[in-house]
Amino acid sequence: MLLLVDGYNLLHVSGLFGPLGAPPTLENSRLALLEFLAAHLPQPLRKRTTVVFDAAAAPPGLPSQVIHGEILVRFAPRKSTADDLIAELITQEADPRHLTVVSSDHAVQRSARQRGAKFVDSEVWLRELKQSASASSVAAPSEKPAGPVGNPFPPGYADAEAAELRAFDELRPNGPSSRRRKS
């Protein structure tokens, strides 16, 4: 896992309330947030992202985890909180230095800091994700966006993605590609 998101914390700052015309229920809002993340996170990062929600307001019979658009969605046990589950997931992470936790909750940030994980406020991360998506959709392929755009992706994400691509390349029947990148 590279990205661990405090779901309701991010939902609160996102202003997403579900599809137009649909009643503003927590379920519709959760789905709108997950659709937004699935649309804006790069595919390799989606597979390494976990979003955690409290289960107190979840529909009865909801499984403890589901996959939505390649994103793992976890619901805290009913007698626990999302903050507790996030702290547990941070503790279970083999190398939390590669983990970025998205939450404005100071207790969650403290858990991340204690284990050496990075953290970012939900509002800041969301703004940077939107700016990154906006800059990449507006700029022509040969253009660079004017002005700095923050990086909403976890540190080391590009390195991890490159390592995965190298490993995949080595599995090809003819071995690694003979293509060389120009510096």
C-alpha atoms as a PDB file:
ATOM      1  CA  MET A   1       0.000   0.000   0.000  1.00  0.00           C
ATOM      2  CA  LEU A   2       1.296   3.455  -0.921  1.00  0.00           C
ATOM      3  CA  LEU A   3      -1.710   5.620  -0.131  1.00  0.00           C
ATOM      4  CA  LEU A   4      -4.015   5.336   2.901  1.00  0.00           C
ATOM      5  CA  VAL A   5      -7.010   7.687   2.898  1.00  0.00           C
ATOM      6  CA  ASP A   6      -9.269   8.670   5.799  1.00  0.00           C
ATOM      7  CA  GLY A   7     -12.472   8.410   3.743  1.00  0.00           C
ATOM      8  CA  TYR A   8     -14.973  10.548   5.640  1.00  0.00           C
ATOM      9  CA  ASN A   9     -12.282  13.105   6.436  1.00  0.00           C
ATOM     10  CA  LEU A  10     -11.557  13.530   2.714  1.00  0.00           C
ATOM     11  CA  LEU A  11     -15.267  13.393   1.881  1.00  0.00           C
ATOM     12  CA  HIS A  12     -15.939  16.247   4.315  1.00  0.00           C
ATOM     13  CA  VAL A  13     -13.546  18.615   2.491  1.00  0.00           C
ATOM     14  CA  SER A  14     -14.435  17.368  -1.002  1.00  0.00           C
ATOM     15  CA  GLY A  15     -17.964  18.731  -1.236  1.00  0.00           C
ATOM     16  CA  LEU A  16     -19.018  15.574  -3.107  1.00  0.00           C
ATOM     17  CA  PHE A  17     -22.578  14.522  -2.372  1.00  0.00           C
ATOM     18  CA  GLY A  18     -23.318  11.972  -5.067  1.00  0.00           C
ATOM     19  CA  PRO A  19     -24.935  12.243  -8.482  1.00  0.00           C
ATOM     20  CA  LEU A  20     -27.132  15.235  -9.311  1.00  0.00           C
ATOM     21  CA  GLY A  21     -30.723  14.557  -8.401  1.00  0.00           C
ATOM     22  CA  ALA A  22     -29.822  11.698  -6.057  1.00  0.00           C
ATOM     23  CA  PRO A  23     -30.577  12.175  -2.380  1.00  0.00           C
ATOM     24  CA  PRO A  24     -27.478  13.300  -0.452  1.00  0.00           C
ATOM     25  CA  THR A  25     -26.977  10.079   1.519  1.00  0.00           C
ATOM     26  CA  LEU A  26     -23.689   8.893   2.994  1.00  0.00           C
ATOM     27  CA  GLU A  27     -23.738   5.952   0.597  1.00  0.00           C
ATOM     28  CA  ASN A  28     -24.127   8.237  -2.448  1.00  0.00           C
ATOM     29  CA  SER A  29     -21.431  10.549  -1.108  1.00  0.00           C
ATOM     30  CA  ARG A  30     -19.030   7.637  -0.491  1.00  0.00           C
ATOM     31  CA  LEU A  31     -19.630   6.361  -4.012  1.00  0.00           C
ATOM     32  CA  ALA A  32     -19.091   9.842  -5.478  1.00  0.00           C
ATOM     33  CA  LEU A  33     -15.776  10.146  -3.619  1.00  0.00           C
ATOM     34  CA  LEU A  34     -14.632   6.695  -4.747  1.00  0.00           C
ATOM     35  CA  GLU A  35     -15.604   7.465  -8.358  1.00  0.00           C
ATOM     36  CA  PHE A  36     -13.658  10.724  -8.162  1.00  0.00           C
ATOM     37  CA  LEU A  37     -10.559   8.935  -6.826  1.00  0.00           C
ATOM     38  CA  ALA A  38     -10.844   6.159  -9.410  1.00  0.00           C
ATOM     39  CA  ALA A  39     -11.037   8.790 -12.162  1.00  0.00           C
ATOM     40  CA  HIS A  40      -8.147  10.951 -10.904  1.00  0.00           C
ATOM     41  CA  LEU A  41      -5.552   8.557  -9.472  1.00  0.00           C
ATOM     42  CA  PRO A  42      -3.177   6.890 -11.937  1.00  0.00           C
ATOM     43  CA  GLN A  43      -4.030   3.229 -12.460  1.00  0.00           C
ATOM     44  CA  PRO A  44      -0.910   1.784 -10.777  1.00  0.00           C
ATOM     45  CA  LEU A  45      -1.569   3.932  -7.696  1.00  0.00           C
ATOM     46  CA  ARG A  46      -5.259   2.959  -7.521  1.00  0.00           C
ATOM     47  CA  LYS A  47      -4.182  -0.653  -7.007  1.00  0.00           C
ATOM     48  CA  ARG A  48      -2.039   0.429  -4.042  1.00  0.00           C
ATOM     49  CA  THR A  49      -4.585   2.746  -2.401  1.00  0.00           C
ATOM     50  CA  THR A  50      -6.797   1.945   0.589  1.00  0.00           C
ATOM     51  CA  VAL A  51      -9.696   4.171   1.652  1.00  0.00           C
ATOM     52  CA  VAL A  52     -11.055   3.623   5.169  1.00  0.00           C
ATOM     53  CA  PHE A  53     -14.558   4.578   6.339  1.00  0.00           C
ATOM     54  CA  ASP A  54     -16.331   4.213   9.677  1.00  0.00           C
ATOM     55  CA  ALA A  55     -18.956   1.476   9.497  1.00  0.00           C
ATOM     56  CA  ALA A  56     -21.376   3.008  12.000  1.00  0.00           C
ATOM     57  CA  ALA A  57     -23.370   4.659   9.188  1.00  0.00           C
ATOM     58  CA  ALA A  58     -22.757   1.885   6.660  1.00  0.00           C
ATOM     59  CA  PRO A  59     -25.678  -0.130   5.308  1.00  0.00           C
ATOM     60  CA  PRO A  60     -26.349  -3.383   7.206  1.00  0.00           C
ATOM     61  CA  GLY A  61     -24.704  -6.453   5.729  1.00  0.00           C
ATOM     62  CA  LEU A  62     -21.925  -4.451   4.086  1.00  0.00           C
ATOM     63  CA  PRO A  63     -18.708  -6.486   3.826  1.00  0.00           C
ATOM     64  CA  SER A  64     -15.684  -5.281   5.778  1.00  0.00           C
ATOM     65  CA  GLN A  65     -13.884  -4.559   2.513  1.00  0.00           C
ATOM     66  CA  VAL A  66     -14.699  -4.125  -1.169  1.00  0.00           C
ATOM     67  CA  ILE A  67     -12.819  -3.138  -4.311  1.00  0.00           C
ATOM     68  CA  HIS A  68     -14.073  -0.055  -6.136  1.00  0.00           C
ATOM     69  CA  GLY A  69     -12.282   0.957  -9.341  1.00  0.00           C
ATOM     70  CA  GLU A  70      -9.188  -0.997  -8.216  1.00  0.00           C
ATOM     71  CA  ILE A  71      -9.160   0.893  -4.896  1.00  0.00           C
ATOM     72  CA  LEU A  72      -9.423  -1.185  -1.726  1.00  0.00           C
ATOM     73  CA  VAL A  73     -12.215   0.170   0.477  1.00  0.00           C
ATOM     74  CA  ARG A  74     -12.210  -0.894   4.128  1.00  0.00           C
ATOM     75  CA  PHE A  75     -14.944  -0.338   6.709  1.00  0.00           C
ATOM     76  CA  ALA A  76     -13.960  -0.181  10.366  1.00  0.00           C
ATOM     77  CA  PRO A  77     -15.645  -2.778  12.575  1.00  0.00           C
ATOM     78  CA  ARG A  78     -18.822  -1.391  14.155  1.00  0.00           C
ATOM     79  CA  LYS A  79     -17.307  -1.127  17.656  1.00  0.00           C
ATOM     80  CA  SER A  80     -14.216   0.600  16.295  1.00  0.00           C
ATOM     81  CA  THR A  81     -13.498   3.761  14.309  1.00  0.00           C
ATOM     82  CA  ALA A  82     -11.835   4.465  10.990  1.00  0.00           C
ATOM     83  CA  ASP A  83      -9.044   6.159  12.965  1.00  0.00           C
ATOM     84  CA  ASP A  84      -8.438   2.905  14.876  1.00  0.00           C
ATOM     85  CA  LEU A  85      -8.351   0.865  11.658  1.00  0.00           C
ATOM     86  CA  ILE A  86      -6.030   3.379   9.980  1.00  0.00           C
ATOM     87  CA  ALA A  87      -3.642   3.208  12.963  1.00  0.00           C
ATOM     88  CA  GLU A  88      -3.753  -0.603  12.761  1.00  0.00           C
ATOM     89  CA  LEU A  89      -3.053  -0.577   9.011  1.00  0.00           C
ATOM     90  CA  ILE A  90      -0.114   1.797   9.504  1.00  0.00           C
ATOM     91  CA  THR A  91       1.279  -0.541  12.183  1.00  0.00           C
ATOM     92  CA  GLN A  92       0.859  -3.571   9.886  1.00  0.00           C
ATOM     93  CA  GLU A  93       2.686  -1.877   7.000  1.00  0.00           C
ATOM     94  CA  ALA A  94       6.089  -3.544   6.490  1.00  0.00           C
ATOM     95  CA  ASP A  95       7.817  -0.316   5.465  1.00  0.00           C
ATOM     96  CA  PRO A  96       5.683   2.688   6.427  1.00  0.00           C
ATOM     97  CA  ARG A  97       8.279   5.112   5.054  1.00  0.00           C
ATOM     98  CA  HIS A  98       6.706   4.509   1.620  1.00  0.00           C
ATOM     99  CA  LEU A  99       3.195   5.143   2.918  1.00  0.00           C
ATOM    100  CA  THR A 100       1.346   8.463   2.633  1.00  0.00           C
ATOM    101  CA  VAL A 101      -1.672   8.944   4.893  1.00  0.00           C
ATOM    102  CA  VAL A 102      -4.315  11.449   3.767  1.00  0.00           C
ATOM    103  CA  SER A 103      -6.175  12.886   6.758  1.00  0.00           C
ATOM    104  CA  SER A 104      -6.585  16.177   8.578  1.00  0.00           C
ATOM    105  CA  ASP A 105      -7.247  14.304  11.823  1.00  0.00           C
ATOM    106  CA  HIS A 106      -4.372  14.997  14.205  1.00  0.00           C
ATOM    107  CA  ALA A 107      -4.660  11.588  15.908  1.00  0.00           C
ATOM    108  CA  VAL A 108      -4.308   9.870  12.522  1.00  0.00           C
ATOM    109  CA  GLN A 109      -1.372  12.124  11.635  1.00  0.00           C
ATOM    110  CA  ARG A 110       0.262  11.273  14.980  1.00  0.00           C
ATOM    111  CA  SER A 111      -0.096   7.540  14.228  1.00  0.00           C
ATOM    112  CA  ALA A 112       1.538   8.086  10.842  1.00  0.00           C
ATOM    113  CA  ARG A 113       4.379  10.165  12.298  1.00  0.00           C
ATOM    114  CA  GLN A 114       5.086   7.610  15.066  1.00  0.00           C
ATOM    115  CA  ARG A 115       5.605   4.851  12.472  1.00  0.00           C
ATOM    116  CA  GLY A 116       7.592   7.006  10.035  1.00  0.00           C
ATOM    117  CA  ALA A 117       4.812   7.317   7.438  1.00  0.00           C
ATOM    118  CA  LYS A 118       4.204  10.596   5.644  1.00  0.00           C
ATOM    119  CA  PHE A 119       0.907  12.407   6.064  1.00  0.00           C
ATOM    120  CA  VAL A 120      -0.878  15.280   4.379  1.00  0.00           C
ATOM    121  CA  ASP A 121      -4.038  17.206   5.256  1.00  0.00           C
ATOM    122  CA  SER A 122      -7.057  16.076   3.238  1.00  0.00           C
ATOM    123  CA  GLU A 123      -7.801  19.562   1.913  1.00  0.00           C
ATOM    124  CA  VAL A 124      -4.215  20.106   0.736  1.00  0.00           C
ATOM    125  CA  TRP A 125      -4.004  16.668  -0.901  1.00  0.00           C
ATOM    126  CA  LEU A 126      -7.365  17.083  -2.652  1.00  0.00           C
ATOM    127  CA  ARG A 127      -6.434  20.542  -3.960  1.00  0.00           C
ATOM    128  CA  GLU A 128      -3.130  19.199  -5.321  1.00  0.00           C
ATOM    129  CA  LEU A 129      -4.865  16.201  -6.907  1.00  0.00           C
ATOM    130  CA  LYS A 130      -7.376  18.498  -8.636  1.00  0.00           C
ATOM    131  CA  GLN A 131      -4.611  20.871  -9.798  1.00  0.00           C
ATOM    132  CA  SER A 132      -2.579  17.956 -11.111  1.00  0.00           C
ATOM    133  CA  ALA A 133      -5.577  16.570 -13.004  1.00  0.00           C
ATOM    134  CA  SER A 134      -6.496  20.027 -14.310  1.00  0.00           C
ATOM    135  CA  ALA A 135      -2.943  20.809 -15.429  1.00  0.00           C
ATOM    136  CA  SER A 136      -2.554  17.504 -17.241  1.00  0.00           C
ATOM    137  CA  SER A 137      -5.917  17.792 -19.012  1.00  0.00           C
ATOM    138  CA  VAL A 138      -5.387  21.419 -20.081  1.00  0.00           C
ATOM    139  CA  ALA A 139      -1.741  21.296 -21.153  1.00  0.00           C
ATOM    140  CA  ALA A 140      -0.903  19.957 -24.586  1.00  0.00           C
ATOM    141  CA  PRO A 141       1.418  16.922 -24.494  1.00  0.00           C
ATOM    142  CA  SER A 142       4.477  19.062 -25.254  1.00  0.00           C
ATOM    143  CA  GLU A 143       3.531  21.833 -22.816  1.00  0.00           C
ATOM    144  CA  LYS A 144       4.273  22.075 -19.137  1.00  0.00           C
ATOM    145  CA  PRO A 145       1.743  23.682 -16.817  1.00  0.00           C
ATOM    146  CA  ALA A 146       2.505  27.296 -15.917  1.00  0.00           C
ATOM    147  CA  GLY A 147       3.499  27.557 -12.283  1.00  0.00           C
ATOM    148  CA  PRO A 148       4.176  24.856  -9.754  1.00  0.00           C
ATOM    149  CA  VAL A 149       1.642  22.119  -9.210  1.00  0.00           C
ATOM    150  CA  GLY A 150       1.987  20.140  -6.001  1.00  0.00           C
ATOM    151  CA  ASN A 151       2.515  16.407  -6.183  1.00  0.00           C
ATOM    152  CA  PRO A 152      -0.444  14.584  -4.604  1.00  0.00           C
ATOM    153  CA  PHE A 153       1.210  11.209  -5.084  1.00  0.00           C
ATOM    154  CA  PRO A 154       3.234   9.493  -2.380  1.00  0.00           C
ATOM    155  CA  PRO A 155       6.998  10.051  -2.352  1.00  0.00           C
ATOM    156  CA  GLY A 156       8.674   7.184  -4.145  1.00  0.00           C
ATOM    157  CA  TYR A 157       5.551   6.512  -6.232  1.00  0.00           C
ATOM    158  CA  ALA A 158       7.451   7.058  -9.496  1.00  0.00           C
ATOM    159  CA  ASP A 159      10.286   4.823  -8.251  1.00  0.00           C
ATOM    160  CA  ALA A 160       7.847   2.081  -7.231  1.00  0.00           C
ATOM    161  CA  GLU A 161       6.039   2.337 -10.562  1.00  0.00           C
ATOM    162  CA  ALA A 162       9.354   2.190 -12.464  1.00  0.00           C
ATOM    163  CA  ALA A 163      10.416  -0.885 -10.472  1.00  0.00           C
ATOM    164  CA  GLU A 164       7.108  -2.597 -11.296  1.00  0.00           C
ATOM    165  CA  LEU A 165       7.549  -1.778 -14.983  1.00  0.00           C
ATOM    166  CA  ARG A 166      11.128  -3.133 -14.952  1.00  0.00           C
ATOM    167  CA  ALA A 167       9.960  -6.340 -13.259  1.00  0.00           C
ATOM    168  CA  PHE A 168       7.164  -6.708 -15.810  1.00  0.00           C
ATOM    169  CA  ASP A 169       9.617  -6.058 -18.653  1.00  0.00           C
ATOM    170  CA  GLU A 170      11.912  -8.819 -17.373  1.00  0.00           C
ATOM    171  CA  LEU A 171       9.007 -11.289 -17.437  1.00  0.00           C
ATOM    172  CA  ARG A 172       8.459 -10.768 -21.154  1.00  0.00           C
ATOM    173  CA  PRO A 173       9.246 -13.860 -23.277  1.00  0.00           C
ATOM    174  CA  ASN A 174      12.151 -12.124 -25.048  1.00  0.00           C
ATOM    175  CA  GLY A 175      13.612 -10.656 -21.854  1.00  0.00           C
ATOM    176  CA  PRO A 176      14.093  -6.968 -21.138  1.00  0.00           C
ATOM    177  CA  SER A 177      13.397  -4.564 -23.926  1.00  0.00           C
ATOM    178  CA  SER A 178      16.371  -3.372 -25.921  1.00  0.00           C
ATOM    179  CA  ARG A 179      14.932   0.145 -25.955  1.00  0.00           C
ATOM    180  CA  ARG A 180      17.021   2.711 -24.153  1.00  0.00           C
ATOM    181  CA  ARG A 181      15.653   5.892 -22.700  1.00  0.00           C
ATOM    182  CA  LYS A 182      17.301   9.109 -23.771  1.00  0.00           C
ATOM    183  CA  SER A 183      18.606  11.256 -20.945  1.00  0.00           C
END
